[in-house]
N, C-alpha and C. Protein backbone atom coordinates (compact mmCIF):
# COMPACT_ATOMS: atom_id res chain seq x y z
N MET A 1 66.82 8.14 -72.20
CA MET A 1 66.20 7.60 -71.00
C MET A 1 66.91 8.16 -69.78
N PRO A 2 66.16 8.67 -68.80
CA PRO A 2 66.79 9.24 -67.60
C PRO A 2 67.53 8.18 -66.80
N PHE A 3 68.56 8.62 -66.15
CA PHE A 3 69.41 7.74 -65.35
C PHE A 3 69.30 8.20 -63.90
N SER A 4 68.91 7.30 -63.01
CA SER A 4 68.76 7.64 -61.60
C SER A 4 70.02 7.29 -60.82
N VAL A 5 70.33 8.11 -59.84
CA VAL A 5 71.45 7.86 -58.94
C VAL A 5 70.90 7.95 -57.52
N PHE A 6 71.22 6.94 -56.72
CA PHE A 6 70.71 6.87 -55.36
C PHE A 6 71.85 6.82 -54.36
N THR A 7 71.66 7.47 -53.22
CA THR A 7 72.57 7.27 -52.09
C THR A 7 72.16 5.97 -51.42
N ILE A 8 72.95 5.49 -50.49
CA ILE A 8 72.62 4.22 -49.85
C ILE A 8 71.29 4.31 -49.09
N GLY A 9 70.99 5.46 -48.50
CA GLY A 9 69.72 5.61 -47.79
C GLY A 9 68.53 5.50 -48.73
N GLU A 10 68.63 6.17 -49.88
CA GLU A 10 67.57 6.09 -50.88
C GLU A 10 67.46 4.67 -51.44
N PHE A 11 68.62 4.09 -51.71
CA PHE A 11 68.68 2.73 -52.25
C PHE A 11 68.01 1.76 -51.29
N ALA A 12 68.30 1.90 -50.01
CA ALA A 12 67.70 1.04 -48.99
C ALA A 12 66.19 1.27 -48.92
N ARG A 13 65.77 2.50 -48.98
CA ARG A 13 64.34 2.81 -48.91
C ARG A 13 63.59 2.23 -50.12
N TYR A 14 64.11 2.42 -51.32
CA TYR A 14 63.45 1.90 -52.53
C TYR A 14 63.42 0.37 -52.58
N SER A 15 64.46 -0.25 -52.04
CA SER A 15 64.55 -1.71 -52.10
C SER A 15 63.93 -2.41 -50.90
N GLY A 16 63.80 -1.69 -49.78
CA GLY A 16 63.30 -2.31 -48.56
C GLY A 16 64.36 -3.14 -47.86
N ILE A 17 65.62 -2.94 -48.23
CA ILE A 17 66.75 -3.68 -47.64
C ILE A 17 67.55 -2.74 -46.74
N ASN A 18 67.95 -3.24 -45.59
CA ASN A 18 68.74 -2.48 -44.64
C ASN A 18 70.10 -2.09 -45.25
N PRO A 19 70.59 -0.87 -44.99
CA PRO A 19 71.90 -0.48 -45.53
C PRO A 19 73.04 -1.43 -45.15
N LYS A 20 72.99 -1.99 -43.94
CA LYS A 20 74.03 -2.95 -43.54
C LYS A 20 74.01 -4.18 -44.44
N THR A 21 72.82 -4.62 -44.81
CA THR A 21 72.69 -5.77 -45.69
C THR A 21 73.22 -5.44 -47.08
N ILE A 22 72.94 -4.24 -47.54
CA ILE A 22 73.44 -3.80 -48.84
C ILE A 22 74.96 -3.81 -48.84
N ARG A 23 75.57 -3.29 -47.80
CA ARG A 23 77.04 -3.29 -47.72
C ARG A 23 77.58 -4.73 -47.66
N TYR A 24 76.87 -5.61 -46.96
CA TYR A 24 77.27 -7.02 -46.91
C TYR A 24 77.21 -7.64 -48.30
N TYR A 25 76.15 -7.37 -49.03
CA TYR A 25 76.01 -7.90 -50.39
C TYR A 25 77.16 -7.40 -51.28
N GLU A 26 77.60 -6.18 -51.07
CA GLU A 26 78.76 -5.66 -51.81
C GLU A 26 80.01 -6.44 -51.42
N GLU A 27 80.16 -6.66 -50.13
CA GLU A 27 81.34 -7.35 -49.60
C GLU A 27 81.49 -8.75 -50.17
N ILE A 28 80.38 -9.47 -50.34
CA ILE A 28 80.45 -10.84 -50.84
C ILE A 28 80.36 -10.91 -52.36
N GLY A 29 80.24 -9.76 -53.01
CA GLY A 29 80.23 -9.72 -54.47
C GLY A 29 78.87 -9.92 -55.11
N LEU A 30 77.83 -9.93 -54.30
CA LEU A 30 76.48 -10.07 -54.84
C LEU A 30 76.05 -8.80 -55.57
N LEU A 31 76.48 -7.67 -55.05
CA LEU A 31 76.30 -6.38 -55.70
C LEU A 31 77.69 -5.85 -56.06
N PRO A 32 77.81 -5.19 -57.20
CA PRO A 32 79.12 -4.60 -57.53
C PRO A 32 79.44 -3.44 -56.59
N GLN A 33 80.71 -3.15 -56.46
CA GLN A 33 81.10 -1.99 -55.67
C GLN A 33 80.53 -0.75 -56.34
N PRO A 34 79.84 0.10 -55.59
CA PRO A 34 79.21 1.27 -56.20
C PRO A 34 80.24 2.36 -56.52
N LEU A 35 79.83 3.25 -57.39
CA LEU A 35 80.62 4.44 -57.62
C LEU A 35 80.59 5.27 -56.35
N ARG A 36 81.51 6.19 -56.23
CA ARG A 36 81.55 7.06 -55.04
C ARG A 36 81.48 8.51 -55.47
N SER A 37 80.81 9.31 -54.65
CA SER A 37 80.79 10.75 -54.89
C SER A 37 82.13 11.32 -54.46
N GLN A 38 82.36 12.58 -54.75
CA GLN A 38 83.62 13.21 -54.33
C GLN A 38 83.76 13.20 -52.81
N ALA A 39 82.63 13.18 -52.12
CA ALA A 39 82.66 13.13 -50.66
C ALA A 39 82.78 11.71 -50.13
N GLY A 40 82.79 10.72 -51.02
CA GLY A 40 82.96 9.33 -50.60
C GLY A 40 81.67 8.58 -50.38
N TYR A 41 80.52 9.20 -50.65
CA TYR A 41 79.24 8.52 -50.49
C TYR A 41 79.04 7.49 -51.60
N ARG A 42 78.45 6.35 -51.23
CA ARG A 42 78.12 5.34 -52.23
C ARG A 42 77.01 5.87 -53.13
N LEU A 43 77.14 5.60 -54.42
CA LEU A 43 76.13 6.02 -55.39
C LEU A 43 75.69 4.80 -56.20
N TYR A 44 74.40 4.54 -56.22
CA TYR A 44 73.84 3.39 -56.90
C TYR A 44 73.01 3.83 -58.10
N ALA A 45 72.96 2.98 -59.10
CA ALA A 45 72.22 3.27 -60.33
C ALA A 45 70.99 2.37 -60.43
N ASP A 46 70.18 2.63 -61.44
CA ASP A 46 68.99 1.81 -61.69
C ASP A 46 69.34 0.34 -61.86
N ALA A 47 70.45 0.06 -62.53
CA ALA A 47 70.86 -1.33 -62.75
C ALA A 47 71.16 -2.03 -61.42
N ASP A 48 71.72 -1.30 -60.46
CA ASP A 48 71.99 -1.88 -59.14
C ASP A 48 70.67 -2.23 -58.43
N LEU A 49 69.69 -1.35 -58.58
CA LEU A 49 68.39 -1.60 -57.96
C LEU A 49 67.72 -2.81 -58.61
N ALA A 50 67.82 -2.94 -59.92
CA ALA A 50 67.26 -4.10 -60.60
C ALA A 50 67.94 -5.39 -60.14
N ARG A 51 69.25 -5.35 -59.97
CA ARG A 51 69.99 -6.54 -59.52
C ARG A 51 69.56 -6.91 -58.10
N LEU A 52 69.43 -5.91 -57.23
CA LEU A 52 69.03 -6.18 -55.86
C LEU A 52 67.61 -6.76 -55.82
N ARG A 53 66.73 -6.26 -56.63
CA ARG A 53 65.37 -6.81 -56.69
C ARG A 53 65.37 -8.24 -57.21
N PHE A 54 66.27 -8.53 -58.15
CA PHE A 54 66.41 -9.91 -58.63
C PHE A 54 66.83 -10.82 -57.48
N VAL A 55 67.79 -10.38 -56.70
CA VAL A 55 68.27 -11.17 -55.55
C VAL A 55 67.13 -11.39 -54.57
N GLN A 56 66.33 -10.36 -54.30
CA GLN A 56 65.20 -10.50 -53.39
C GLN A 56 64.22 -11.56 -53.90
N ARG A 57 63.91 -11.53 -55.19
CA ARG A 57 62.99 -12.52 -55.77
C ARG A 57 63.60 -13.93 -55.68
N ALA A 58 64.88 -14.04 -55.95
CA ALA A 58 65.54 -15.34 -55.88
C ALA A 58 65.47 -15.90 -54.46
N LYS A 59 65.66 -15.05 -53.47
CA LYS A 59 65.57 -15.50 -52.08
C LYS A 59 64.15 -15.96 -51.75
N LEU A 60 63.15 -15.25 -52.27
CA LEU A 60 61.76 -15.65 -52.04
C LEU A 60 61.46 -17.03 -52.64
N LEU A 61 62.17 -17.36 -53.71
CA LEU A 61 62.00 -18.67 -54.34
C LEU A 61 62.80 -19.76 -53.64
N GLY A 62 63.55 -19.38 -52.60
CA GLY A 62 64.29 -20.36 -51.83
C GLY A 62 65.74 -20.55 -52.23
N LEU A 63 66.24 -19.71 -53.12
CA LEU A 63 67.64 -19.82 -53.54
C LEU A 63 68.55 -19.22 -52.47
N SER A 64 69.74 -19.76 -52.37
CA SER A 64 70.74 -19.21 -51.46
C SER A 64 71.36 -17.97 -52.11
N LEU A 65 72.09 -17.20 -51.33
CA LEU A 65 72.76 -16.03 -51.88
C LEU A 65 73.79 -16.45 -52.94
N ALA A 66 74.47 -17.56 -52.70
CA ALA A 66 75.45 -18.05 -53.67
C ALA A 66 74.77 -18.43 -54.98
N GLU A 67 73.62 -19.07 -54.89
CA GLU A 67 72.88 -19.45 -56.10
C GLU A 67 72.38 -18.21 -56.84
N ALA A 68 71.90 -17.23 -56.09
CA ALA A 68 71.42 -15.98 -56.70
C ALA A 68 72.56 -15.27 -57.40
N LYS A 69 73.73 -15.29 -56.77
CA LYS A 69 74.90 -14.64 -57.38
C LYS A 69 75.27 -15.31 -58.70
N LYS A 70 75.26 -16.64 -58.72
CA LYS A 70 75.57 -17.36 -59.96
C LYS A 70 74.59 -17.00 -61.08
N LEU A 71 73.32 -16.92 -60.73
CA LEU A 71 72.31 -16.59 -61.73
C LEU A 71 72.44 -15.14 -62.21
N ALA A 72 72.80 -14.25 -61.31
CA ALA A 72 72.90 -12.83 -61.64
C ALA A 72 74.14 -12.53 -62.47
N ASP A 73 75.18 -13.34 -62.33
CA ASP A 73 76.43 -13.09 -63.06
C ASP A 73 76.35 -13.52 -64.47
């Protein structure tokens, strides 16, 4: 199965989430710290995109970020 790798710009575009929000989600532990390229760019995988989409759905259902994090962990 192919494995996708996204930069933060691509990740933001595919998810519809602002890059600043993505970095905030990393900071609070909602998203894991991404791998980094040799140049220091954040690199995200398909699993990260799935987790972010889960968080988006949880928010639509009225869950807080803390509740979404508990469910995702």
